[in-house]
Amino acid sequence: MASPNTPRKHFSMLRGFHLADFFTLGNAACGVAAVFFSMLYMASQSLTHFYAAAAMAPAAFIFDVLDGKIARWRRQHSAMGRELDSLADVISFGLAPVALGFAAGLTGGWDWVAMIYFVCCGVSRLARYNVTAESLSEGGDKVAYFEGTPIPTSVIITGILAWLASHELVGQTIYGGAWMIASWELHPFALLYVLSGTLMISKTLHIPKF
């Protein structure tokens, strides 16, 4: 039987959210919408759905930028906010680009491997960032640099896919064609996910954070 205080606990959690956290949730919402639009495209083959899925990436990026700026402006940094940001980024810049790639025709066995690797790299990079953020900030308000490329750079892949779709180079005619390796299909375009994932987990690549 639920405790009479249960509703109060839920409201207390909501009161614990800062303004920046709601923008982070906007980021996550864009990522989920991108996955839905990708599935709609597979059912309808309407480029409108494909473009809508791709458009969610820059929309999520805007929310991602704004939540950081608002948190610094209001000086409201929290461990929960950092975790929310990472979870939202996994959806919008990890899972959503993979869903769009699958919808675009990257359905071969090796394509799966490439895109699973990409998502795992993104998750690992975000986890490493959260663990090391305090030491990297050196007592300041913000981290001075990223180790490896930030996961939002996957918007580049989404943008390329949207450009390919506009030139009818997705689906059976996806750019680069396909190779058969050990009875599994690999579309060379999927290697872009491998490259992106590898750059994300690099510890030697330092990118200034502005």
C-alpha atoms as a PDB file:
ATOM      1  CA  MET A   1       0.000   0.000   0.000  1.00  0.00           C
ATOM      2  CA  ALA A   2       1.399   3.414  -0.985  1.00  0.00           C
ATOM      3  CA  SER A   3       2.350   5.774   1.763  1.00  0.00           C
ATOM      4  CA  PRO A   4       0.300   8.993   2.082  1.00  0.00           C
ATOM      5  CA  ASN A   5       3.579  10.846   1.699  1.00  0.00           C
ATOM      6  CA  THR A   6       4.380   9.348  -1.720  1.00  0.00           C
ATOM      7  CA  PRO A   7       2.890  12.225  -3.796  1.00  0.00           C
ATOM      8  CA  ARG A   8       4.814  14.709  -1.726  1.00  0.00           C
ATOM      9  CA  LYS A   9       8.040  12.870  -2.511  1.00  0.00           C
ATOM     10  CA  HIS A  10       7.327  13.122  -6.228  1.00  0.00           C
ATOM     11  CA  PHE A  11       6.643  16.841  -5.968  1.00  0.00           C
ATOM     12  CA  SER A  12       9.794  17.262  -3.884  1.00  0.00           C
ATOM     13  CA  MET A  13      11.828  15.703  -6.711  1.00  0.00           C
ATOM     14  CA  LEU A  14      10.327  18.149  -9.221  1.00  0.00           C
ATOM     15  CA  ARG A  15      11.097  21.054  -6.896  1.00  0.00           C
ATOM     16  CA  GLY A  16      14.699  19.826  -6.903  1.00  0.00           C
ATOM     17  CA  PHE A  17      14.953  20.490 -10.653  1.00  0.00           C
ATOM     18  CA  HIS A  18      16.704  23.663 -11.758  1.00  0.00           C
ATOM     19  CA  LEU A  19      15.725  25.691 -14.826  1.00  0.00           C
ATOM     20  CA  ALA A  20      18.651  24.212 -16.777  1.00  0.00           C
ATOM     21  CA  ASP A  21      17.378  20.686 -16.082  1.00  0.00           C
ATOM     22  CA  PHE A  22      14.172  21.344 -18.012  1.00  0.00           C
ATOM     23  CA  PHE A  23      16.243  22.350 -21.043  1.00  0.00           C
ATOM     24  CA  THR A  24      18.160  19.090 -20.613  1.00  0.00           C
ATOM     25  CA  LEU A  25      14.855  17.234 -20.729  1.00  0.00           C
ATOM     26  CA  GLY A  26      14.085  19.146 -23.936  1.00  0.00           C
ATOM     27  CA  ASN A  27      17.298  17.683 -25.335  1.00  0.00           C
ATOM     28  CA  ALA A  28      16.139  14.163 -24.410  1.00  0.00           C
ATOM     29  CA  ALA A  29      12.689  14.788 -25.877  1.00  0.00           C
ATOM     30  CA  CYS A  30      14.246  15.746 -29.215  1.00  0.00           C
ATOM     31  CA  GLY A  31      16.241  12.513 -29.208  1.00  0.00           C
ATOM     32  CA  VAL A  32      13.161  10.390 -28.580  1.00  0.00           C
ATOM     33  CA  ALA A  33      11.270  12.274 -31.307  1.00  0.00           C
ATOM     34  CA  ALA A  34      14.160  11.568 -33.710  1.00  0.00           C
ATOM     35  CA  VAL A  35      13.834   7.831 -33.044  1.00  0.00           C
ATOM     36  CA  PHE A  36      10.064   7.975 -33.609  1.00  0.00           C
ATOM     37  CA  PHE A  37      10.467   9.907 -36.879  1.00  0.00           C
ATOM     38  CA  SER A  38      13.079   7.384 -38.041  1.00  0.00           C
ATOM     39  CA  MET A  39      10.610   4.560 -37.434  1.00  0.00           C
ATOM     40  CA  LEU A  40       7.879   6.513 -39.220  1.00  0.00           C
ATOM     41  CA  TYR A  41      10.183   6.944 -42.210  1.00  0.00           C
ATOM     42  CA  MET A  42      10.775   3.192 -42.397  1.00  0.00           C
ATOM     43  CA  ALA A  43       7.018   2.646 -42.513  1.00  0.00           C
ATOM     44  CA  SER A  44       6.130   5.509 -44.862  1.00  0.00           C
ATOM     45  CA  GLN A  45       9.321   6.141 -46.882  1.00  0.00           C
ATOM     46  CA  SER A  46       8.323   9.803 -46.715  1.00  0.00           C
ATOM     47  CA  LEU A  47      11.362  12.071 -46.799  1.00  0.00           C
ATOM     48  CA  THR A  48       9.413  14.493 -44.614  1.00  0.00           C
ATOM     49  CA  HIS A  49       9.766  12.007 -41.761  1.00  0.00           C
ATOM     50  CA  PHE A  50      13.467  11.481 -42.532  1.00  0.00           C
ATOM     51  CA  TYR A  51      14.175  15.219 -42.524  1.00  0.00           C
ATOM     52  CA  ALA A  52      12.164  15.639 -39.322  1.00  0.00           C
ATOM     53  CA  ALA A  53      14.293  12.956 -37.648  1.00  0.00           C
ATOM     54  CA  ALA A  54      17.465  14.673 -38.834  1.00  0.00           C
ATOM     55  CA  ALA A  55      16.191  18.090 -37.694  1.00  0.00           C
ATOM     56  CA  MET A  56      15.858  16.839 -34.131  1.00  0.00           C
ATOM     57  CA  ALA A  57      19.664  16.642 -33.865  1.00  0.00           C
ATOM     58  CA  PRO A  58      20.348  20.404 -34.161  1.00  0.00           C
ATOM     59  CA  ALA A  59      17.283  21.066 -31.996  1.00  0.00           C
ATOM     60  CA  ALA A  60      18.717  18.784 -29.303  1.00  0.00           C
ATOM     61  CA  PHE A  61      22.091  20.490 -29.686  1.00  0.00           C
ATOM     62  CA  ILE A  62      20.499  23.893 -29.055  1.00  0.00           C
ATOM     63  CA  PHE A  63      18.882  22.598 -25.861  1.00  0.00           C
ATOM     64  CA  ASP A  64      22.234  21.044 -24.861  1.00  0.00           C
ATOM     65  CA  VAL A  65      24.049  24.351 -25.284  1.00  0.00           C
ATOM     66  CA  LEU A  66      21.351  26.346 -23.509  1.00  0.00           C
ATOM     67  CA  ASP A  67      21.210  24.095 -20.450  1.00  0.00           C
ATOM     68  CA  GLY A  68      24.938  24.625 -19.862  1.00  0.00           C
ATOM     69  CA  LYS A  69      24.710  28.381 -20.348  1.00  0.00           C
ATOM     70  CA  ILE A  70      21.696  28.662 -18.043  1.00  0.00           C
ATOM     71  CA  ALA A  71      23.381  26.549 -15.348  1.00  0.00           C
ATOM     72  CA  ARG A  72      26.459  28.809 -15.436  1.00  0.00           C
ATOM     73  CA  TRP A  73      24.351  31.976 -15.533  1.00  0.00           C
ATOM     74  CA  ARG A  74      22.311  30.905 -12.516  1.00  0.00           C
ATOM     75  CA  ARG A  75      25.308  29.204 -10.854  1.00  0.00           C
ATOM     76  CA  GLN A  76      23.224  26.079 -10.357  1.00  0.00           C
ATOM     77  CA  HIS A  77      25.496  23.109 -10.966  1.00  0.00           C
ATOM     78  CA  SER A  78      24.539  19.756  -9.491  1.00  0.00           C
ATOM     79  CA  ALA A  79      25.455  16.093  -9.769  1.00  0.00           C
ATOM     80  CA  MET A  80      21.885  15.341 -10.857  1.00  0.00           C
ATOM     81  CA  GLY A  81      22.097  17.936 -13.608  1.00  0.00           C
ATOM     82  CA  ARG A  82      25.304  16.384 -14.901  1.00  0.00           C
ATOM     83  CA  GLU A  83      23.762  12.910 -14.917  1.00  0.00           C
ATOM     84  CA  LEU A  84      20.616  14.188 -16.647  1.00  0.00           C
ATOM     85  CA  ASP A  85      22.753  15.817 -19.299  1.00  0.00           C
ATOM     86  CA  SER A  86      24.646  12.592 -19.992  1.00  0.00           C
ATOM     87  CA  LEU A  87      21.502  10.489 -20.191  1.00  0.00           C
ATOM     88  CA  ALA A  88      19.894  12.974 -22.582  1.00  0.00           C
ATOM     89  CA  ASP A  89      23.032  13.045 -24.728  1.00  0.00           C
ATOM     90  CA  VAL A  90      23.058   9.249 -25.026  1.00  0.00           C
ATOM     91  CA  ILE A  91      19.537   9.393 -26.470  1.00  0.00           C
ATOM     92  CA  SER A  92      19.912  12.422 -28.743  1.00  0.00           C
ATOM     93  CA  PHE A  93      23.494  12.010 -29.951  1.00  0.00           C
ATOM     94  CA  GLY A  94      24.004   8.278 -29.510  1.00  0.00           C
ATOM     95  CA  LEU A  95      20.820   6.326 -30.086  1.00  0.00           C
ATOM     96  CA  ALA A  96      19.062   8.792 -32.430  1.00  0.00           C
ATOM     97  CA  PRO A  97      21.869   8.944 -35.058  1.00  0.00           C
ATOM     98  CA  VAL A  98      22.007   5.138 -35.034  1.00  0.00           C
ATOM     99  CA  ALA A  99      18.232   4.896 -35.539  1.00  0.00           C
ATOM    100  CA  LEU A 100      18.468   7.320 -38.460  1.00  0.00           C
ATOM    101  CA  GLY A 101      21.381   5.375 -39.935  1.00  0.00           C
ATOM    102  CA  PHE A 102      19.401   2.142 -39.711  1.00  0.00           C
ATOM    103  CA  ALA A 103      16.424   3.830 -41.371  1.00  0.00           C
ATOM    104  CA  ALA A 104      18.766   5.099 -44.099  1.00  0.00           C
ATOM    105  CA  GLY A 105      19.740   1.555 -45.003  1.00  0.00           C
ATOM    106  CA  LEU A 106      22.579   0.582 -42.664  1.00  0.00           C
ATOM    107  CA  THR A 107      20.985  -2.751 -41.823  1.00  0.00           C
ATOM    108  CA  GLY A 108      23.842  -5.175 -42.495  1.00  0.00           C
ATOM    109  CA  GLY A 109      25.430  -7.279 -39.771  1.00  0.00           C
ATOM    110  CA  TRP A 110      28.673  -5.294 -39.826  1.00  0.00           C
ATOM    111  CA  ASP A 111      26.645  -2.081 -39.854  1.00  0.00           C
ATOM    112  CA  TRP A 112      25.108  -3.223 -36.581  1.00  0.00           C
ATOM    113  CA  VAL A 113      28.567  -3.860 -35.140  1.00  0.00           C
ATOM    114  CA  ALA A 114      29.775  -0.421 -36.246  1.00  0.00           C
ATOM    115  CA  MET A 115      26.785   1.411 -34.788  1.00  0.00           C
ATOM    116  CA  ILE A 116      26.746  -0.581 -31.536  1.00  0.00           C
ATOM    117  CA  TYR A 117      30.442   0.279 -31.171  1.00  0.00           C
ATOM    118  CA  PHE A 118      29.583   3.948 -31.743  1.00  0.00           C
ATOM    119  CA  VAL A 119      26.917   3.968 -29.015  1.00  0.00           C
ATOM    120  CA  CYS A 120      29.164   2.097 -26.573  1.00  0.00           C
ATOM    121  CA  CYS A 121      31.943   4.623 -27.208  1.00  0.00           C
ATOM    122  CA  GLY A 122      29.517   7.464 -26.569  1.00  0.00           C
ATOM    123  CA  VAL A 123      28.316   5.943 -23.296  1.00  0.00           C
ATOM    124  CA  SER A 124      31.904   5.285 -22.182  1.00  0.00           C
ATOM    125  CA  ARG A 125      32.991   8.798 -23.073  1.00  0.00           C
ATOM    126  CA  LEU A 126      30.156  10.383 -21.101  1.00  0.00           C
ATOM    127  CA  ALA A 127      30.835   8.162 -18.097  1.00  0.00           C
ATOM    128  CA  ARG A 128      34.534   9.062 -18.191  1.00  0.00           C
ATOM    129  CA  TYR A 129      33.678  12.753 -18.476  1.00  0.00           C
ATOM    130  CA  ASN A 130      31.422  12.625 -15.417  1.00  0.00           C
ATOM    131  CA  VAL A 131      34.062  10.848 -13.371  1.00  0.00           C
ATOM    132  CA  THR A 132      36.883  13.205 -14.355  1.00  0.00           C
ATOM    133  CA  ALA A 133      34.937  16.480 -14.639  1.00  0.00           C
ATOM    134  CA  GLU A 134      35.858  17.646 -11.158  1.00  0.00           C
ATOM    135  CA  SER A 135      39.575  17.088 -11.607  1.00  0.00           C
ATOM    136  CA  LEU A 136      39.600  18.577 -15.113  1.00  0.00           C
ATOM    137  CA  SER A 137      37.872  21.749 -13.922  1.00  0.00           C
ATOM    138  CA  GLU A 138      40.780  22.418 -11.528  1.00  0.00           C
ATOM    139  CA  GLY A 139      38.509  24.129  -9.043  1.00  0.00           C
ATOM    140  CA  GLY A 140      36.829  26.382 -11.637  1.00  0.00           C
ATOM    141  CA  ASP A 141      33.213  26.606 -12.664  1.00  0.00           C
ATOM    142  CA  LYS A 142      33.621  24.577 -15.836  1.00  0.00           C
ATOM    143  CA  VAL A 143      35.788  21.963 -17.485  1.00  0.00           C
ATOM    144  CA  ALA A 144      38.563  23.568 -19.527  1.00  0.00           C
ATOM    145  CA  TYR A 145      38.710  20.935 -22.261  1.00  0.00           C
ATOM    146  CA  PHE A 146      37.196  17.705 -23.542  1.00  0.00           C
ATOM    147  CA  GLU A 147      39.184  14.475 -23.718  1.00  0.00           C
ATOM    148  CA  GLY A 148      38.071  13.122 -27.078  1.00  0.00           C
ATOM    149  CA  THR A 149      35.372  14.649 -29.242  1.00  0.00           C
ATOM    150  CA  PRO A 150      32.095  15.466 -27.459  1.00  0.00           C
ATOM    151  CA  ILE A 151      29.215  13.143 -28.320  1.00  0.00           C
ATOM    152  CA  PRO A 152      27.123  16.023 -29.818  1.00  0.00           C
ATOM    153  CA  THR A 153      29.575  16.010 -32.755  1.00  0.00           C
ATOM    154  CA  SER A 154      27.436  13.151 -34.069  1.00  0.00           C
ATOM    155  CA  VAL A 155      25.174  15.868 -35.497  1.00  0.00           C
ATOM    156  CA  ILE A 156      27.680  15.842 -38.366  1.00  0.00           C
ATOM    157  CA  ILE A 157      26.668  12.267 -39.225  1.00  0.00           C
ATOM    158  CA  THR A 158      23.004  13.236 -39.040  1.00  0.00           C
ATOM    159  CA  GLY A 159      23.617  16.201 -41.316  1.00  0.00           C
ATOM    160  CA  ILE A 160      25.419  14.027 -43.867  1.00  0.00           C
ATOM    161  CA  LEU A 161      22.545  11.536 -43.826  1.00  0.00           C
ATOM    162  CA  ALA A 162      20.054  14.345 -44.450  1.00  0.00           C
ATOM    163  CA  TRP A 163      22.174  15.553 -47.396  1.00  0.00           C
ATOM    164  CA  LEU A 164      22.353  12.024 -48.819  1.00  0.00           C
ATOM    165  CA  ALA A 165      18.572  11.685 -48.498  1.00  0.00           C
ATOM    166  CA  SER A 166      18.097  14.919 -50.435  1.00  0.00           C
ATOM    167  CA  HIS A 167      20.130  13.357 -53.263  1.00  0.00           C
ATOM    168  CA  GLU A 168      18.290  10.014 -53.104  1.00  0.00           C
ATOM    169  CA  LEU A 169      21.398   8.252 -51.782  1.00  0.00           C
ATOM    170  CA  VAL A 170      19.790   6.315 -48.933  1.00  0.00           C
ATOM    171  CA  GLY A 171      18.079   2.956 -48.770  1.00  0.00           C
ATOM    172  CA  GLN A 172      19.027   0.543 -51.558  1.00  0.00           C
ATOM    173  CA  THR A 173      21.099   3.295 -53.189  1.00  0.00           C
ATOM    174  CA  ILE A 174      22.954   4.435 -50.058  1.00  0.00           C
ATOM    175  CA  TYR A 175      26.212   6.184 -50.824  1.00  0.00           C
ATOM    176  CA  GLY A 176      29.218   3.863 -50.935  1.00  0.00           C
ATOM    177  CA  GLY A 177      27.313   0.718 -51.806  1.00  0.00           C
ATOM    178  CA  ALA A 178      27.804  -2.469 -49.800  1.00  0.00           C
ATOM    179  CA  TRP A 179      30.461  -5.128 -49.235  1.00  0.00           C
ATOM    180  CA  MET A 180      29.976  -8.729 -48.211  1.00  0.00           C
ATOM    181  CA  ILE A 181      32.453  -9.829 -45.530  1.00  0.00           C
ATOM    182  CA  ALA A 182      32.144 -13.331 -44.076  1.00  0.00           C
ATOM    183  CA  SER A 183      28.501 -13.493 -45.211  1.00  0.00           C
ATOM    184  CA  TRP A 184      27.660 -10.245 -43.399  1.00  0.00           C
ATOM    185  CA  GLU A 185      26.914  -7.006 -45.208  1.00  0.00           C
ATOM    186  CA  LEU A 186      28.873  -3.832 -44.538  1.00  0.00           C
ATOM    187  CA  HIS A 187      27.997  -0.451 -45.992  1.00  0.00           C
ATOM    188  CA  PRO A 188      31.214   1.616 -46.022  1.00  0.00           C
ATOM    189  CA  PHE A 189      29.239   4.616 -44.743  1.00  0.00           C
ATOM    190  CA  ALA A 190      28.889   2.777 -41.410  1.00  0.00           C
ATOM    191  CA  LEU A 191      32.640   3.215 -40.909  1.00  0.00           C
ATOM    192  CA  LEU A 192      31.897   6.887 -40.227  1.00  0.00           C
ATOM    193  CA  TYR A 193      30.254   5.730 -36.992  1.00  0.00           C
ATOM    194  CA  VAL A 194      33.400   3.768 -36.138  1.00  0.00           C
ATOM    195  CA  LEU A 195      35.545   6.852 -36.742  1.00  0.00           C
ATOM    196  CA  SER A 196      33.257   9.061 -34.653  1.00  0.00           C
ATOM    197  CA  GLY A 197      33.189   6.578 -31.782  1.00  0.00           C
ATOM    198  CA  THR A 198      36.962   6.138 -31.806  1.00  0.00           C
ATOM    199  CA  LEU A 199      37.527   9.894 -31.685  1.00  0.00           C
ATOM    200  CA  MET A 200      35.140  10.153 -28.734  1.00  0.00           C
ATOM    201  CA  ILE A 201      37.111   7.733 -26.564  1.00  0.00           C
ATOM    202  CA  SER A 202      40.524   9.160 -27.469  1.00  0.00           C
ATOM    203  CA  LYS A 203      42.443  10.340 -24.387  1.00  0.00           C
ATOM    204  CA  THR A 204      45.139  12.099 -26.378  1.00  0.00           C
ATOM    205  CA  LEU A 205      42.764  14.408 -28.238  1.00  0.00           C
ATOM    206  CA  HIS A 206      42.124  17.527 -26.126  1.00  0.00           C
ATOM    207  CA  ILE A 207      39.491  19.951 -27.379  1.00  0.00           C
ATOM    208  CA  PRO A 208      39.056  23.321 -25.596  1.00  0.00           C
ATOM    209  CA  LYS A 209      35.602  23.824 -24.103  1.00  0.00           C
ATOM    210  CA  PHE A 210      34.276  27.336 -24.604  1.00  0.00           C
END
